[in-house]
PDB file of N, CA and C in Angstrom:
ATOM      1  N   MET A   1     136.249 -11.149 141.933  1.00  0.00           N
ATOM      2  CA  MET A   1     135.211 -10.869 140.966  1.00  0.00           C
ATOM      3  C   MET A   1     135.891 -10.315 139.726  1.00  0.00           C
ATOM      4  N   ARG A   2     135.413 -10.755 138.578  1.00  0.00           N
ATOM      5  CA  ARG A   2     136.010 -10.305 137.315  1.00  0.00           C
ATOM      6  C   ARG A   2     134.947  -9.722 136.421  1.00  0.00           C
ATOM      7  N   GLY A   3     135.298  -8.649 135.767  1.00  0.00           N
ATOM      8  CA  GLY A   3     134.423  -8.049 134.775  1.00  0.00           C
ATOM      9  C   GLY A   3     133.586  -6.903 135.308  1.00  0.00           C
ATOM     10  N   LYS A   4     133.313  -5.968 134.411  1.00  0.00           N
ATOM     11  CA  LYS A   4     132.560  -4.765 134.742  1.00  0.00           C
ATOM     12  C   LYS A   4     131.145  -5.093 135.217  1.00  0.00           C
ATOM     13  N   ASP A   5     130.469  -6.014 134.535  1.00  0.00           N
ATOM     14  CA  ASP A   5     129.088  -6.349 134.898  1.00  0.00           C
ATOM     15  C   ASP A   5     129.007  -7.000 136.281  1.00  0.00           C
ATOM     16  N   ALA A   6     129.931  -7.916 136.567  1.00  0.00           N
ATOM     17  CA  ALA A   6     129.939  -8.582 137.876  1.00  0.00           C
ATOM     18  C   ALA A   6     130.213  -7.575 138.991  1.00  0.00           C
ATOM     19  N   PHE A   7     131.160  -6.659 138.754  1.00  0.00           N
ATOM     20  CA  PHE A   7     131.463  -5.650 139.765  1.00  0.00           C
ATOM     21  C   PHE A   7     130.256  -4.750 139.999  1.00  0.00           C
ATOM     22  N   ALA A   8     129.618  -4.291 138.927  1.00  0.00           N
ATOM     23  CA  ALA A   8     128.459  -3.395 139.056  1.00  0.00           C
ATOM     24  C   ALA A   8     127.329  -4.077 139.816  1.00  0.00           C
ATOM     25  N   ALA A   9     127.060  -5.347 139.523  1.00  0.00           N
ATOM     26  CA  ALA A   9     125.993  -6.070 140.219  1.00  0.00           C
ATOM     27  C   ALA A   9     126.319  -6.227 141.698  1.00  0.00           C
ATOM     28  N   GLY A  10     127.559  -6.568 142.008  1.00  0.00           N
ATOM     29  CA  GLY A  10     127.966  -6.717 143.404  1.00  0.00           C
ATOM     30  C   GLY A  10     127.887  -5.404 144.167  1.00  0.00           C
ATOM     31  N   PHE A  11     128.294  -4.319 143.524  1.00  0.00           N
ATOM     32  CA  PHE A  11     128.255  -3.016 144.181  1.00  0.00           C
ATOM     33  C   PHE A  11     126.816  -2.564 144.427  1.00  0.00           C
ATOM     34  N   ARG A  12     125.939  -2.764 143.431  1.00  0.00           N
ATOM     35  CA  ARG A  12     124.526  -2.406 143.621  1.00  0.00           C
ATOM     36  C   ARG A  12     123.936  -3.153 144.814  1.00  0.00           C
ATOM     37  N   LYS A  13     124.253  -4.420 144.945  1.00  0.00           N
ATOM     38  CA  LYS A  13     123.740  -5.215 146.055  1.00  0.00           C
ATOM     39  C   LYS A  13     124.309  -4.696 147.388  1.00  0.00           C
ATOM     40  N   ALA A  14     125.586  -4.348 147.407  1.00  0.00           N
ATOM     41  CA  ALA A  14     126.214  -3.864 148.641  1.00  0.00           C
ATOM     42  C   ALA A  14     125.584  -2.565 149.123  1.00  0.00           C
ATOM     43  N   VAL A  15     125.315  -1.618 148.214  1.00  0.00           N
ATOM     44  CA  VAL A  15     124.779  -0.322 148.652  1.00  0.00           C
ATOM     45  C   VAL A  15     123.318  -0.424 149.092  1.00  0.00           C
ATOM     46  N   GLU A  16     122.667  -1.528 148.785  1.00  0.00           N
ATOM     47  CA  GLU A  16     121.317  -1.749 149.312  1.00  0.00           C
ATOM     48  C   GLU A  16     121.349  -2.083 150.799  1.00  0.00           C
ATOM     49  N   HIS A  17     122.487  -2.585 151.286  1.00  0.00           N
ATOM     50  CA  HIS A  17     122.578  -3.077 152.657  1.00  0.00           C
ATOM     51  C   HIS A  17     123.602  -2.353 153.529  1.00  0.00           C
ATOM     52  N   TYR A  18     124.492  -1.574 152.914  1.00  0.00           N
ATOM     53  CA  TYR A  18     125.579  -0.942 153.666  1.00  0.00           C
ATOM     54  C   TYR A  18     125.783   0.510 153.261  1.00  0.00           C
ATOM     55  N   ARG A  19     126.235   1.313 154.227  1.00  0.00           N
ATOM     56  CA  ARG A  19     126.797   2.629 153.918  1.00  0.00           C
ATOM     57  C   ARG A  19     128.289   2.385 153.747  1.00  0.00           C
ATOM     58  N   ILE A  20     128.840   2.807 152.636  1.00  0.00           N
ATOM     59  CA  ILE A  20     130.237   2.527 152.320  1.00  0.00           C
ATOM     60  C   ILE A  20     131.024   3.826 152.343  1.00  0.00           C
ATOM     61  N   GLU A  21     132.097   3.836 153.142  1.00  0.00           N
ATOM     62  CA  GLU A  21     132.982   5.000 153.227  1.00  0.00           C
ATOM     63  C   GLU A  21     134.397   4.542 152.903  1.00  0.00           C
ATOM     64  N   THR A  22     135.100   5.331 152.100  1.00  0.00           N
ATOM     65  CA  THR A  22     136.464   4.974 151.725  1.00  0.00           C
ATOM     66  C   THR A  22     137.409   6.151 151.899  1.00  0.00           C
ATOM     67  N   THR A  23     138.650   5.834 152.155  1.00  0.00           N
ATOM     68  CA  THR A  23     139.726   6.812 152.098  1.00  0.00           C
ATOM     69  C   THR A  23     140.869   6.167 151.323  1.00  0.00           C
ATOM     70  N   ALA A  24     141.566   6.973 150.554  1.00  0.00           N
ATOM     71  CA  ALA A  24     142.672   6.472 149.749  1.00  0.00           C
ATOM     72  C   ALA A  24     143.858   7.420 149.872  1.00  0.00           C
ATOM     73  N   GLU A  25     145.020   6.823 150.050  1.00  0.00           N
ATOM     74  CA  GLU A  25     146.263   7.599 150.112  1.00  0.00           C
ATOM     75  C   GLU A  25     147.181   7.088 149.011  1.00  0.00           C
ATOM     76  N   ILE A  26     147.353   7.907 147.983  1.00  0.00           N
ATOM     77  CA  ILE A  26     148.193   7.498 146.855  1.00  0.00           C
ATOM     78  C   ILE A  26     149.642   7.448 147.316  1.00  0.00           C
ATOM     79  N   GLN A  27     150.281   6.304 147.075  1.00  0.00           N
ATOM     80  CA  GLN A  27     151.677   6.093 147.452  1.00  0.00           C
ATOM     81  C   GLN A  27     152.631   6.427 146.301  1.00  0.00           C
ATOM     82  N   GLU A  28     152.171   6.132 145.078  1.00  0.00           N
ATOM     83  CA  GLU A  28     153.039   6.331 143.917  1.00  0.00           C
ATOM     84  C   GLU A  28     152.187   6.350 142.652  1.00  0.00           C
ATOM     85  N   ILE A  29     152.576   7.196 141.711  1.00  0.00           N
ATOM     86  CA  ILE A  29     151.979   7.202 140.374  1.00  0.00           C
ATOM     87  C   ILE A  29     153.122   7.252 139.368  1.00  0.00           C
ATOM     88  N   GLN A  30     153.036   6.408 138.349  1.00  0.00           N
ATOM     89  CA  GLN A  30     154.019   6.411 137.273  1.00  0.00           C
ATOM     90  C   GLN A  30     153.274   6.405 135.941  1.00  0.00           C
ATOM     91  N   VAL A  31     153.760   7.205 134.996  1.00  0.00           N
ATOM     92  CA  VAL A  31     153.169   7.273 133.655  1.00  0.00           C
ATOM     93  C   VAL A  31     154.278   7.009 132.648  1.00  0.00           C
ATOM     94  N   THR A  32     154.002   6.070 131.728  1.00  0.00           N
ATOM     95  CA  THR A  32     154.943   5.748 130.663  1.00  0.00           C
ATOM     96  C   THR A  32     154.171   5.597 129.370  1.00  0.00           C
ATOM     97  N   GLY A  33     154.237   6.588 128.518  1.00  0.00           N
ATOM     98  CA  GLY A  33     153.524   6.521 127.249  1.00  0.00           C
ATOM     99  C   GLY A  33     152.023   6.404 127.445  1.00  0.00           C
ATOM    100  N   GLU A  34     151.451   5.327 126.902  1.00  0.00           N
ATOM    101  CA  GLU A  34     150.010   5.108 126.987  1.00  0.00           C
ATOM    102  C   GLU A  34     149.583   4.342 128.234  1.00  0.00           C
ATOM    103  N   TRP A  35     150.521   4.055 129.121  1.00  0.00           N
ATOM    104  CA  TRP A  35     150.224   3.265 130.323  1.00  0.00           C
ATOM    105  C   TRP A  35     150.597   4.038 131.580  1.00  0.00           C
ATOM    106  N   ALA A  36     149.841   3.801 132.636  1.00  0.00           N
ATOM    107  CA  ALA A  36     150.151   4.409 133.938  1.00  0.00           C
ATOM    108  C   ALA A  36     149.690   3.450 135.026  1.00  0.00           C
ATOM    109  N   TYR A  37     150.319   3.572 136.187  1.00  0.00           N
ATOM    110  CA  TYR A  37     149.834   2.806 137.330  1.00  0.00           C
ATOM    111  C   TYR A  37     149.827   3.670 138.574  1.00  0.00           C
ATOM    112  N   ALA A  38     148.963   3.296 139.495  1.00  0.00           N
ATOM    113  CA  ALA A  38     148.898   3.963 140.800  1.00  0.00           C
ATOM    114  C   ALA A  38     148.914   2.892 141.875  1.00  0.00           C
ATOM    115  N   TRP A  39     149.761   3.086 142.865  1.00  0.00           N
ATOM    116  CA  TRP A  39     149.843   2.215 144.034  1.00  0.00           C
ATOM    117  C   TRP A  39     149.241   3.031 145.170  1.00  0.00           C
ATOM    118  N   THR A  40     148.204   2.503 145.819  1.00  0.00           N
ATOM    119  CA  THR A  40     147.404   3.268 146.769  1.00  0.00           C
ATOM    120  C   THR A  40     147.128   2.455 148.020  1.00  0.00           C
ATOM    121  N   HIS A  41     147.141   3.117 149.177  1.00  0.00           N
ATOM    122  CA  HIS A  41     146.667   2.481 150.410  1.00  0.00           C
ATOM    123  C   HIS A  41     145.201   2.855 150.570  1.00  0.00           C
ATOM    124  N   LEU A  42     144.338   1.848 150.696  1.00  0.00           N
ATOM    125  CA  LEU A  42     142.892   2.043 150.707  1.00  0.00           C
ATOM    126  C   LEU A  42     142.302   1.529 152.015  1.00  0.00           C
ATOM    127  N   SER A  43     141.350   2.281 152.562  1.00  0.00           N
ATOM    128  CA  SER A  43     140.557   1.845 153.713  1.00  0.00           C
ATOM    129  C   SER A  43     139.090   1.917 153.327  1.00  0.00           C
ATOM    130  N   VAL A  44     138.358   0.842 153.586  1.00  0.00           N
ATOM    131  CA  VAL A  44     136.934   0.779 153.276  1.00  0.00           C
ATOM    132  C   VAL A  44     136.189   0.375 154.542  1.00  0.00           C
ATOM    133  N   THR A  45     135.171   1.162 154.919  1.00  0.00           N
ATOM    134  CA  THR A  45     134.313   0.823 156.051  1.00  0.00           C
ATOM    135  C   THR A  45     132.903   0.628 155.527  1.00  0.00           C
ATOM    136  N   MET A  46     132.327  -0.543 155.840  1.00  0.00           N
ATOM    137  CA  MET A  46     130.963  -0.867 155.435  1.00  0.00           C
ATOM    138  C   MET A  46     130.117  -0.994 156.692  1.00  0.00           C
ATOM    139  N   THR A  47     129.170  -0.069 156.850  1.00  0.00           N
ATOM    140  CA  THR A  47     128.298  -0.047 158.026  1.00  0.00           C
ATOM    141  C   THR A  47     126.916  -0.532 157.609  1.00  0.00           C
ATOM    142  N   PRO A  48     126.421  -1.606 158.237  1.00  0.00           N
ATOM    143  CA  PRO A  48     125.087  -2.105 157.882  1.00  0.00           C
ATOM    144  C   PRO A  48     124.026  -1.030 158.082  1.00  0.00           C
ATOM    145  N   LEU A  49     123.088  -0.942 157.143  1.00  0.00           N
ATOM    146  CA  LEU A  49     122.017   0.044 157.249  1.00  0.00           C
ATOM    147  C   LEU A  49     121.015  -0.353 158.331  1.00  0.00           C
ATOM    148  N   GLN A  50     120.869  -1.623 158.595  1.00  0.00           N
ATOM    149  CA  GLN A  50     119.909  -2.087 159.603  1.00  0.00           C
ATOM    150  C   GLN A  50     120.554  -2.127 160.991  1.00  0.00           C
ATOM    151  N   ALA A  51     121.404  -3.076 161.235  1.00  0.00           N
ATOM    152  CA  ALA A  51     122.041  -3.220 162.545  1.00  0.00           C
ATOM    153  C   ALA A  51     123.305  -4.041 162.382  1.00  0.00           C
ATOM    154  N   GLY A  52     124.181  -3.903 163.335  1.00  0.00           N
ATOM    155  CA  GLY A  52     125.409  -4.679 163.323  1.00  0.00           C
ATOM    156  C   GLY A  52     126.627  -3.785 163.303  1.00  0.00           C
ATOM    157  N   PRO A  53     127.775  -4.360 163.629  1.00  0.00           N
ATOM    158  CA  PRO A  53     129.006  -3.571 163.683  1.00  0.00           C
ATOM    159  C   PRO A  53     129.540  -3.267 162.288  1.00  0.00           C
ATOM    160  N   PRO A  54     130.227  -2.151 162.148  1.00  0.00           N
ATOM    161  CA  PRO A  54     130.866  -1.841 160.870  1.00  0.00           C
ATOM    162  C   PRO A  54     131.963  -2.860 160.568  1.00  0.00           C
ATOM    163  N   MET A  55     132.203  -3.101 159.294  1.00  0.00           N
ATOM    164  CA  MET A  55     133.299  -3.960 158.852  1.00  0.00           C
ATOM    165  C   MET A  55     134.314  -3.072 158.151  1.00  0.00           C
ATOM    166  N   GLN A  56     135.585  -3.293 158.447  1.00  0.00           N
ATOM    167  CA  GLN A  56     136.616  -2.468 157.828  1.00  0.00           C
ATOM    168  C   GLN A  56     137.638  -3.355 157.138  1.00  0.00           C
ATOM    169  N   ARG A  57     138.058  -2.908 155.965  1.00  0.00           N
ATOM    170  CA  ARG A  57     139.111  -3.567 155.203  1.00  0.00           C
ATOM    171  C   ARG A  57     140.154  -2.502 154.881  1.00  0.00           C
ATOM    172  N   THR A  58     141.406  -2.877 154.998  1.00  0.00           N
ATOM    173  CA  THR A  58     142.491  -1.964 154.630  1.00  0.00           C
ATOM    174  C   THR A  58     143.550  -2.744 153.870  1.00  0.00           C
ATOM    175  N   GLY A  59     144.280  -2.043 153.049  1.00  0.00           N
ATOM    176  CA  GLY A  59     145.363  -2.670 152.309  1.00  0.00           C
ATOM    177  C   GLY A  59     145.749  -1.830 151.112  1.00  0.00           C
ATOM    178  N   TYR A  60     146.514  -2.446 150.245  1.00  0.00           N
ATOM    179  CA  TYR A  60     147.038  -1.735 149.087  1.00  0.00           C
ATOM    180  C   TYR A  60     146.334  -2.167 147.817  1.00  0.00           C
ATOM    181  N   THR A  61     146.242  -1.243 146.867  1.00  0.00           N
ATOM    182  CA  THR A  61     145.707  -1.536 145.545  1.00  0.00           C
ATOM    183  C   THR A  61     146.745  -1.145 144.500  1.00  0.00           C
ATOM    184  N   LEU A  62     146.718  -1.850 143.391  1.00  0.00           N
ATOM    185  CA  LEU A  62     147.531  -1.503 142.241  1.00  0.00           C
ATOM    186  C   LEU A  62     146.569  -1.350 141.073  1.00  0.00           C
ATOM    187  N   THR A  63     146.500  -0.148 140.520  1.00  0.00           N
ATOM    188  CA  THR A  63     145.572   0.157 139.449  1.00  0.00           C
ATOM    189  C   THR A  63     146.362   0.526 138.205  1.00  0.00           C
ATOM    190  N   ILE A  64     145.993  -0.081 137.088  1.00  0.00           N
ATOM    191  CA  ILE A  64     146.659   0.189 135.811  1.00  0.00           C
ATOM    192  C   ILE A  64     145.673   0.923 134.903  1.00  0.00           C
ATOM    193  N   PHE A  65     146.151   1.992 134.298  1.00  0.00           N
ATOM    194  CA  PHE A  65     145.346   2.815 133.405  1.00  0.00           C
ATOM    195  C   PHE A  65     145.923   2.760 131.995  1.00  0.00           C
ATOM    196  N   ARG A  66     145.048   2.973 130.997  1.00  0.00           N
ATOM    197  CA  ARG A  66     145.494   3.033 129.607  1.00  0.00           C
ATOM    198  C   ARG A  66     144.944   4.300 128.976  1.00  0.00           C
ATOM    199  N   LYS A  67     145.819   5.001 128.279  1.00  0.00           N
ATOM    200  CA  LYS A  67     145.432   6.244 127.617  1.00  0.00           C
ATOM    201  C   LYS A  67     144.667   5.923 126.336  1.00  0.00           C
ATOM    202  N   GLN A  68     143.570   6.626 126.134  1.00  0.00           N
ATOM    203  CA  GLN A  68     142.714   6.441 124.967  1.00  0.00           C
ATOM    204  C   GLN A  68     143.131   7.398 123.856  1.00  0.00           C
ATOM    205  N   PRO A  69     142.728   7.115 122.613  1.00  0.00           N
ATOM    206  CA  PRO A  69     143.087   7.993 121.484  1.00  0.00           C
ATOM    207  C   PRO A  69     142.648   9.442 121.685  1.00  0.00           C
ATOM    208  N   ASP A  70     141.562   9.671 122.440  1.00  0.00           N
ATOM    209  CA  ASP A  70     141.095  11.044 122.672  1.00  0.00           C
ATOM    210  C   ASP A  70     141.864  11.756 123.784  1.00  0.00           C
ATOM    211  N   GLY A  71     142.850  11.060 124.383  1.00  0.00           N
ATOM    212  CA  GLY A  71     143.670  11.660 125.437  1.00  0.00           C
ATOM    213  C   GLY A  71     143.184  11.358 126.839  1.00  0.00           C
ATOM    214  N   GLY A  72     141.984  10.801 126.987  1.00  0.00           N
ATOM    215  CA  GLY A  72     141.472  10.428 128.303  1.00  0.00           C
ATOM    216  C   GLY A  72     142.083   9.115 128.785  1.00  0.00           C
ATOM    217  N   TRP A  73     142.004   8.888 130.087  1.00  0.00           N
ATOM    218  CA  TRP A  73     142.539   7.665 130.685  1.00  0.00           C
ATOM    219  C   TRP A  73     141.393   6.795 131.177  1.00  0.00           C
ATOM    220  N   VAL A  74     141.524   5.482 131.003  1.00  0.00           N
ATOM    221  CA  VAL A  74     140.526   4.538 131.506  1.00  0.00           C
ATOM    222  C   VAL A  74     141.216   3.483 132.376  1.00  0.00           C
ATOM    223  N   LEU A  75     140.478   2.989 133.346  1.00  0.00           N
ATOM    224  CA  LEU A  75     140.989   1.923 134.190  1.00  0.00           C
ATOM    225  C   LEU A  75     141.086   0.654 133.345  1.00  0.00           C
ATOM    226  N   TYR A  76     142.247   0.027 133.353  1.00  0.00           N
ATOM    227  CA  TYR A  76     142.478  -1.164 132.547  1.00  0.00           C
ATOM    228  C   TYR A  76     142.477  -2.421 133.421  1.00  0.00           C
ATOM    229  N   ARG A  77     143.139  -2.375 134.568  1.00  0.00           N
ATOM    230  CA  ARG A  77     143.165  -3.481 135.530  1.00  0.00           C
ATOM    231  C   ARG A  77     143.246  -2.890 136.932  1.00  0.00           C
ATOM    232  N   ASP A  78     142.713  -3.646 137.899  1.00  0.00           N
ATOM    233  CA  ASP A  78     142.754  -3.200 139.292  1.00  0.00           C
ATOM    234  C   ASP A  78     142.886  -4.433 140.168  1.00  0.00           C
ATOM    235  N   ALA A  79     143.832  -4.401 141.080  1.00  0.00           N
ATOM    236  CA  ALA A  79     144.027  -5.515 141.999  1.00  0.00           C
ATOM    237  C   ALA A  79     144.176  -4.946 143.398  1.00  0.00           C
ATOM    238  N   ASN A  80     143.614  -5.655 144.377  1.00  0.00           N
ATOM    239  CA  ASN A  80     143.759  -5.164 145.745  1.00  0.00           C
ATOM    240  C   ASN A  80     144.128  -6.286 146.684  1.00  0.00           C
ATOM    241  N   LEU A  81     144.747  -5.896 147.778  1.00  0.00           N
ATOM    242  CA  LEU A  81     145.130  -6.812 148.845  1.00  0.00           C
ATOM    243  C   LEU A  81     144.485  -6.332 150.140  1.00  0.00           C
ATOM    244  N   LEU A  82     143.184  -6.066 150.100  1.00  0.00           N
ATOM    245  CA  LEU A  82     142.474  -5.606 151.289  1.00  0.00           C
ATOM    246  C   LEU A  82     142.271  -6.780 152.227  1.00  0.00           C
ATOM    247  N   SER A  83     142.493  -6.536 153.500  1.00  0.00           N
ATOM    248  CA  SER A  83     142.275  -7.578 154.493  1.00  0.00           C
ATOM    249  C   SER A  83     141.395  -7.038 155.599  1.00  0.00           C
ATOM    250  N   SER A  84     140.832  -7.924 156.373  1.00  0.00           N
ATOM    251  CA  SER A  84     139.947  -7.536 157.473  1.00  0.00           C
ATOM    252  C   SER A  84     140.755  -6.823 158.536  1.00  0.00           C
ATOM    253  N   ALA A  85     140.268  -5.648 158.942  1.00  0.00           N
ATOM    254  CA  ALA A  85     140.958  -4.872 159.965  1.00  0.00           C
ATOM    255  C   ALA A  85     140.229  -4.924 161.298  1.00  0.00           C
ATOM    256  N   SER A  86     138.905  -4.851 161.267  1.00  0.00           N
ATOM    257  CA  SER A  86     138.155  -4.897 162.513  1.00  0.00           C
ATOM    258  C   SER A  86     136.685  -5.096 162.217  1.00  0.00           C
ATOM    259  N   GLY A  87     135.979  -5.594 163.211  1.00  0.00           N
ATOM    260  CA  GLY A  87     134.524  -5.761 163.118  1.00  0.00           C
ATOM    261  C   GLY A  87     134.139  -6.865 162.151  1.00  0.00           C
ATOM    262  N   GLY A  88     132.955  -7.381 162.306  1.00  0.00           N
ATOM    263  CA  GLY A  88     132.317  -8.328 161.403  1.00  0.00           C
ATOM    264  C   GLY A  88     133.152  -9.503 160.975  1.00  0.00           C
ATOM    265  N   ALA A  89     132.547 -10.357 160.186  1.00  0.00           N
ATOM    266  CA  ALA A  89     133.239 -11.523 159.666  1.00  0.00           C
ATOM    267  C   ALA A  89     134.038 -11.132 158.445  1.00  0.00           C
ATOM    268  N   GLY A  90     135.191 -11.756 158.237  1.00  0.00           N
ATOM    269  CA  GLY A  90     136.033 -11.439 157.108  1.00  0.00           C
ATOM    270  C   GLY A  90     135.850 -12.448 156.090  1.00  0.00           C
TER     271      GLY A  90
END
């Protein structure tokens, strides 16, 4: 999925049907000038609100941030390699 609007629409639809729990373990953070990246191990569990087994995805993410003129940081790009770990269809 690409773009802020597509992600927001997909997430809104997901939370209507699932309880979503995540854990993240940061592996590395590097900052160079106006750019930074974080390499993280992520686990996501989606439990249906109605019935059915939880679905779990685990894997690594690479997130790139860009520093704004006001000194704040914003997410610039995000990529993940989450794969099916257990339960449900992948």
